Structure formats: C-alpha cells, structure tokens
Amino acid sequence: MEPRHWQLTDDLAEFLRDAEDFLRSRPALHTVTLTVSEALRTRGPYAHGAEPPRFGVLRGVDGPVRATLLHTPPHPLQLTPLDPEDAAALAARLAEAGL
C-alpha cells in the first residue's frame, strides 16, 4: 500500500508553489481552486470569509502532486477527485490537525 500524507498549510504562496503546475495541467477540472486562489492572491486571505483559508497537497511516493484541498470557511472544502484511500487519509489528517 502506497503511503498517503497530506501536507496542510495556511500559506497561499507555499500552496501555489507546490500545486500550481498540477492545477494548471487540467484547468477546467481545477477552475474553482485556480479562481479562488487568484482572488486570495490579489485580494488577500479574507476575500471569501472572516476565517483564514487552509490549503492541502497530497504527493505521490515519487513526489508529484496528485491531489489538492482548498478551504475558505464558511464555504465547503474544494477537493480534486480522490480515490477512497486518499479520502480516508485526508479525513485522518484533518482530524489529526483538529479541523
């Protein structure tokens, strides 16, 4: 079984550094994440609510990004498609982080 570890951050620049190429590789699929990220970059972290946003990246064993998470409370999580194992790993990571 391949290890699955989600890296969580509240740093938009870090998230985009890690995930932007992945997101732009399929812009239609990632339209919401790309659009919201751009709004946060240009308008600041509270562009979509009073709470700070949270970002996440899941990398494969060999390093490339395979999934992302964007959360701008009070809005629901915005996720790339996940297989059941990646979703379970995300749930465990969010619980571990107290989110």
N, C-alpha and C. Protein backbone atom coordinates (compact mmCIF):
# COMPACT_ATOMS: atom_id res chain seq x y z
N MET A 1 0.85 -1.19 0.00
CA MET A 1 0.00 0.00 0.00
C MET A 1 0.89 1.25 0.00
N GLU A 2 0.57 2.16 -0.86
CA GLU A 2 1.34 3.40 -1.00
C GLU A 2 1.04 4.35 0.15
N PRO A 3 2.07 4.94 0.78
CA PRO A 3 1.81 5.91 1.85
C PRO A 3 1.10 7.14 1.30
N ARG A 4 0.19 7.66 2.10
CA ARG A 4 -0.57 8.84 1.71
C ARG A 4 -0.46 9.87 2.83
N HIS A 5 0.20 10.96 2.53
CA HIS A 5 0.34 12.00 3.55
C HIS A 5 -0.04 13.35 2.96
N TRP A 6 -1.03 13.96 3.55
CA TRP A 6 -1.47 15.29 3.16
C TRP A 6 -0.64 16.32 3.90
N GLN A 7 -0.10 17.27 3.16
CA GLN A 7 0.61 18.41 3.75
C GLN A 7 -0.38 19.57 3.79
N LEU A 8 -0.67 20.08 4.98
CA LEU A 8 -1.60 21.20 5.15
C LEU A 8 -0.83 22.47 5.44
N THR A 9 -1.37 23.59 4.96
CA THR A 9 -0.72 24.89 5.18
C THR A 9 -1.78 25.99 5.14
N ASP A 10 -1.46 27.12 5.72
CA ASP A 10 -2.30 28.31 5.57
C ASP A 10 -1.60 29.35 4.71
N ASP A 11 -0.51 28.95 4.07
CA ASP A 11 0.32 29.83 3.26
C ASP A 11 -0.01 29.64 1.77
N LEU A 12 -0.68 30.63 1.19
CA LEU A 12 -1.07 30.54 -0.21
C LEU A 12 0.13 30.41 -1.13
N ALA A 13 1.18 31.17 -0.88
CA ALA A 13 2.37 31.11 -1.74
C ALA A 13 2.98 29.71 -1.73
N GLU A 14 3.04 29.09 -0.56
CA GLU A 14 3.56 27.73 -0.45
C GLU A 14 2.67 26.75 -1.23
N PHE A 15 1.36 26.89 -1.06
CA PHE A 15 0.42 26.03 -1.77
C PHE A 15 0.59 26.16 -3.28
N LEU A 16 0.63 27.38 -3.78
CA LEU A 16 0.78 27.59 -5.22
C LEU A 16 2.13 27.11 -5.72
N ARG A 17 3.17 27.30 -4.95
CA ARG A 17 4.49 26.81 -5.34
C ARG A 17 4.44 25.29 -5.55
N ASP A 18 3.74 24.61 -4.65
CA ASP A 18 3.68 23.15 -4.72
C ASP A 18 2.65 22.65 -5.73
N ALA A 19 1.51 23.33 -5.85
CA ALA A 19 0.38 22.77 -6.58
C ALA A 19 0.01 23.45 -7.90
N GLU A 20 0.56 24.62 -8.18
CA GLU A 20 0.08 25.37 -9.34
C GLU A 20 0.25 24.61 -10.65
N ASP A 21 1.38 23.98 -10.88
CA ASP A 21 1.57 23.23 -12.12
C ASP A 21 0.54 22.11 -12.25
N PHE A 22 0.30 21.41 -11.15
CA PHE A 22 -0.72 20.35 -11.13
C PHE A 22 -2.09 20.93 -11.47
N LEU A 23 -2.46 22.02 -10.83
CA LEU A 23 -3.77 22.63 -11.07
C LEU A 23 -3.91 23.12 -12.51
N ARG A 24 -2.88 23.75 -13.03
CA ARG A 24 -2.94 24.29 -14.40
C ARG A 24 -2.85 23.20 -15.47
N SER A 25 -2.43 22.00 -15.08
CA SER A 25 -2.36 20.91 -16.06
C SER A 25 -3.75 20.48 -16.53
N ARG A 26 -4.77 20.77 -15.74
CA ARG A 26 -6.16 20.47 -16.11
C ARG A 26 -7.04 21.62 -15.61
N PRO A 27 -6.95 22.77 -16.27
CA PRO A 27 -7.61 23.96 -15.74
C PRO A 27 -9.13 23.85 -15.66
N ALA A 28 -9.76 23.13 -16.56
CA ALA A 28 -11.22 23.00 -16.48
C ALA A 28 -11.63 22.26 -15.21
N LEU A 29 -10.91 21.22 -14.88
CA LEU A 29 -11.20 20.44 -13.67
C LEU A 29 -10.93 21.24 -12.41
N HIS A 30 -9.94 22.12 -12.45
CA HIS A 30 -9.50 22.85 -11.27
C HIS A 30 -9.89 24.33 -11.30
N THR A 31 -10.92 24.67 -12.06
CA THR A 31 -11.32 26.07 -12.23
C THR A 31 -11.59 26.76 -10.90
N VAL A 32 -12.34 26.14 -10.03
CA VAL A 32 -12.69 26.79 -8.76
C VAL A 32 -11.44 27.06 -7.93
N THR A 33 -10.59 26.06 -7.78
CA THR A 33 -9.38 26.24 -6.98
C THR A 33 -8.48 27.31 -7.58
N LEU A 34 -8.32 27.30 -8.90
CA LEU A 34 -7.49 28.32 -9.55
C LEU A 34 -8.08 29.72 -9.37
N THR A 35 -9.39 29.84 -9.55
CA THR A 35 -10.05 31.15 -9.45
C THR A 35 -10.01 31.68 -8.02
N VAL A 36 -10.33 30.84 -7.07
CA VAL A 36 -10.32 31.27 -5.67
C VAL A 36 -8.90 31.60 -5.22
N SER A 37 -7.93 30.80 -5.62
CA SER A 37 -6.53 31.08 -5.27
C SER A 37 -6.09 32.43 -5.81
N GLU A 38 -6.49 32.73 -7.04
CA GLU A 38 -6.14 34.03 -7.62
C GLU A 38 -6.80 35.17 -6.85
N ALA A 39 -8.06 34.99 -6.46
CA ALA A 39 -8.73 36.03 -5.67
C ALA A 39 -8.03 36.23 -4.33
N LEU A 40 -7.62 35.14 -3.69
CA LEU A 40 -6.90 35.26 -2.42
C LEU A 40 -5.56 35.95 -2.62
N ARG A 41 -4.90 35.64 -3.72
CA ARG A 41 -3.60 36.25 -4.00
C ARG A 41 -3.74 37.76 -4.23
N THR A 42 -4.77 38.17 -4.96
CA THR A 42 -4.91 39.58 -5.32
C THR A 42 -5.68 40.40 -4.28
N ARG A 43 -6.63 39.75 -3.59
CA ARG A 43 -7.49 40.50 -2.66
C ARG A 43 -7.20 40.22 -1.19
N GLY A 44 -6.32 39.26 -0.93
CA GLY A 44 -5.95 38.96 0.45
C GLY A 44 -6.65 37.72 0.98
N PRO A 45 -6.17 37.21 2.11
CA PRO A 45 -6.64 35.93 2.63
C PRO A 45 -8.09 35.93 3.11
N TYR A 46 -8.68 37.09 3.31
CA TYR A 46 -10.06 37.14 3.79
C TYR A 46 -11.03 37.53 2.69
N ALA A 47 -10.66 37.31 1.45
CA ALA A 47 -11.51 37.66 0.31
C ALA A 47 -12.81 36.86 0.29
N HIS A 48 -12.82 35.69 0.91
CA HIS A 48 -14.01 34.83 0.85
C HIS A 48 -14.60 34.52 2.21
N GLY A 49 -14.17 35.22 3.24
CA GLY A 49 -14.75 34.98 4.56
C GLY A 49 -13.88 35.53 5.67
N ALA A 50 -14.41 35.45 6.88
CA ALA A 50 -13.72 36.03 8.04
C ALA A 50 -12.64 35.12 8.62
N GLU A 51 -12.66 33.86 8.25
CA GLU A 51 -11.64 32.92 8.75
C GLU A 51 -10.56 32.74 7.69
N PRO A 52 -9.33 32.47 8.12
CA PRO A 52 -8.26 32.29 7.14
C PRO A 52 -8.44 31.00 6.34
N PRO A 53 -8.00 31.00 5.10
CA PRO A 53 -8.11 29.80 4.27
C PRO A 53 -7.08 28.75 4.68
N ARG A 54 -7.34 27.53 4.27
CA ARG A 54 -6.44 26.40 4.51
C ARG A 54 -6.26 25.68 3.17
N PHE A 55 -5.06 25.19 2.96
CA PHE A 55 -4.71 24.52 1.71
C PHE A 55 -4.08 23.17 2.03
N GLY A 56 -4.15 22.26 1.08
CA GLY A 56 -3.52 20.97 1.27
C GLY A 56 -3.04 20.40 -0.05
N VAL A 57 -1.98 19.60 0.05
CA VAL A 57 -1.39 18.93 -1.11
C VAL A 57 -1.11 17.49 -0.73
N LEU A 58 -1.47 16.59 -1.62
CA LEU A 58 -1.12 15.18 -1.47
C LEU A 58 -0.14 14.84 -2.57
N ARG A 59 1.00 14.32 -2.18
CA ARG A 59 2.03 13.92 -3.15
C ARG A 59 2.09 12.40 -3.23
N GLY A 60 2.43 11.92 -4.42
CA GLY A 60 2.69 10.51 -4.59
C GLY A 60 4.05 10.15 -4.02
N VAL A 61 4.32 8.87 -3.94
CA VAL A 61 5.59 8.39 -3.39
C VAL A 61 6.77 9.00 -4.14
N ASP A 62 6.65 9.12 -5.46
CA ASP A 62 7.77 9.64 -6.25
C ASP A 62 7.79 11.15 -6.33
N GLY A 63 6.90 11.85 -5.60
CA GLY A 63 6.99 13.29 -5.48
C GLY A 63 5.96 14.16 -6.15
N PRO A 64 5.36 13.78 -7.29
CA PRO A 64 4.44 14.72 -7.92
C PRO A 64 3.13 14.87 -7.13
N VAL A 65 2.54 16.06 -7.24
CA VAL A 65 1.25 16.32 -6.60
C VAL A 65 0.20 15.45 -7.28
N ARG A 66 -0.66 14.84 -6.48
CA ARG A 66 -1.73 14.02 -7.04
C ARG A 66 -3.12 14.47 -6.60
N ALA A 67 -3.19 15.40 -5.63
CA ALA A 67 -4.49 15.92 -5.20
C ALA A 67 -4.26 17.20 -4.41
N THR A 68 -5.30 18.04 -4.36
CA THR A 68 -5.23 19.27 -3.58
C THR A 68 -6.52 19.50 -2.81
N LEU A 69 -6.40 20.37 -1.82
CA LEU A 69 -7.52 20.78 -0.99
C LEU A 69 -7.46 22.30 -0.86
N LEU A 70 -8.61 22.93 -0.92
CA LEU A 70 -8.74 24.37 -0.67
C LEU A 70 -9.95 24.54 0.23
N HIS A 71 -9.80 25.27 1.33
CA HIS A 71 -10.93 25.54 2.22
C HIS A 71 -10.93 27.01 2.59
N THR A 72 -12.00 27.68 2.21
CA THR A 72 -12.21 29.08 2.57
C THR A 72 -13.49 29.15 3.39
N PRO A 73 -13.39 28.95 4.73
CA PRO A 73 -14.59 28.98 5.56
C PRO A 73 -15.35 30.28 5.35
N PRO A 74 -16.64 30.24 5.35
CA PRO A 74 -17.54 29.15 5.73
C PRO A 74 -17.90 28.21 4.58
N HIS A 75 -17.25 28.33 3.46
CA HIS A 75 -17.57 27.50 2.30
C HIS A 75 -17.04 26.08 2.49
N PRO A 76 -17.64 25.10 1.80
CA PRO A 76 -17.16 23.72 1.95
C PRO A 76 -15.78 23.53 1.33
N LEU A 77 -15.16 22.42 1.69
CA LEU A 77 -13.87 22.05 1.10
C LEU A 77 -13.99 21.94 -0.41
N GLN A 78 -12.98 22.37 -1.11
CA GLN A 78 -12.87 22.19 -2.56
C GLN A 78 -11.74 21.19 -2.77
N LEU A 79 -12.06 20.02 -3.30
CA LEU A 79 -11.08 18.95 -3.46
C LEU A 79 -10.95 18.54 -4.91
N THR A 80 -9.77 18.11 -5.28
CA THR A 80 -9.62 17.43 -6.56
C THR A 80 -10.20 16.02 -6.37
N PRO A 81 -10.49 15.32 -7.46
CA PRO A 81 -11.01 13.96 -7.31
C PRO A 81 -10.05 13.09 -6.49
N LEU A 82 -10.65 12.30 -5.58
CA LEU A 82 -9.87 11.45 -4.69
C LEU A 82 -10.36 10.01 -4.78
N ASP A 83 -9.43 9.07 -4.69
CA ASP A 83 -9.86 7.68 -4.55
C ASP A 83 -10.19 7.46 -3.06
N PRO A 84 -10.84 6.36 -2.71
CA PRO A 84 -11.24 6.15 -1.31
C PRO A 84 -10.08 6.19 -0.32
N GLU A 85 -8.93 5.67 -0.71
CA GLU A 85 -7.78 5.67 0.20
C GLU A 85 -7.25 7.08 0.44
N ASP A 86 -7.22 7.90 -0.62
CA ASP A 86 -6.78 9.29 -0.46
C ASP A 86 -7.76 10.08 0.39
N ALA A 87 -9.07 9.81 0.21
CA ALA A 87 -10.09 10.48 1.02
C ALA A 87 -9.96 10.08 2.49
N ALA A 88 -9.72 8.80 2.75
CA ALA A 88 -9.54 8.34 4.13
C ALA A 88 -8.31 8.98 4.76
N ALA A 89 -7.23 9.07 4.00
CA ALA A 89 -6.01 9.71 4.50
C ALA A 89 -6.26 11.19 4.80
N LEU A 90 -7.05 11.85 3.96
CA LEU A 90 -7.38 13.26 4.20
C LEU A 90 -8.21 13.40 5.47
N ALA A 91 -9.22 12.55 5.64
CA ALA A 91 -10.05 12.62 6.85
C ALA A 91 -9.20 12.43 8.10
N ALA A 92 -8.29 11.47 8.05
CA ALA A 92 -7.41 11.23 9.20
C ALA A 92 -6.51 12.44 9.46
N ARG A 93 -5.98 13.03 8.40
CA ARG A 93 -5.08 14.19 8.55
C ARG A 93 -5.82 15.40 9.10
N LEU A 94 -7.04 15.64 8.62
CA LEU A 94 -7.84 16.76 9.12
C LEU A 94 -8.18 16.55 10.59
N ALA A 95 -8.52 15.32 10.97
CA ALA A 95 -8.82 15.03 12.37
C ALA A 95 -7.57 15.23 13.23
N GLU A 96 -6.43 14.77 12.73
CA GLU A 96 -5.16 14.94 13.44
C GLU A 96 -4.84 16.42 13.67
N ALA A 97 -5.19 17.25 12.69
CA ALA A 97 -4.93 18.69 12.78
C ALA A 97 -6.02 19.43 13.55
N GLY A 98 -7.06 18.71 13.98
CA GLY A 98 -8.14 19.34 14.73
C GLY A 98 -9.07 20.17 13.87
N LEU A 99 -9.17 19.82 12.60
CA LEU A 99 -10.02 20.58 11.68
C LEU A 99 -11.29 19.82 11.34
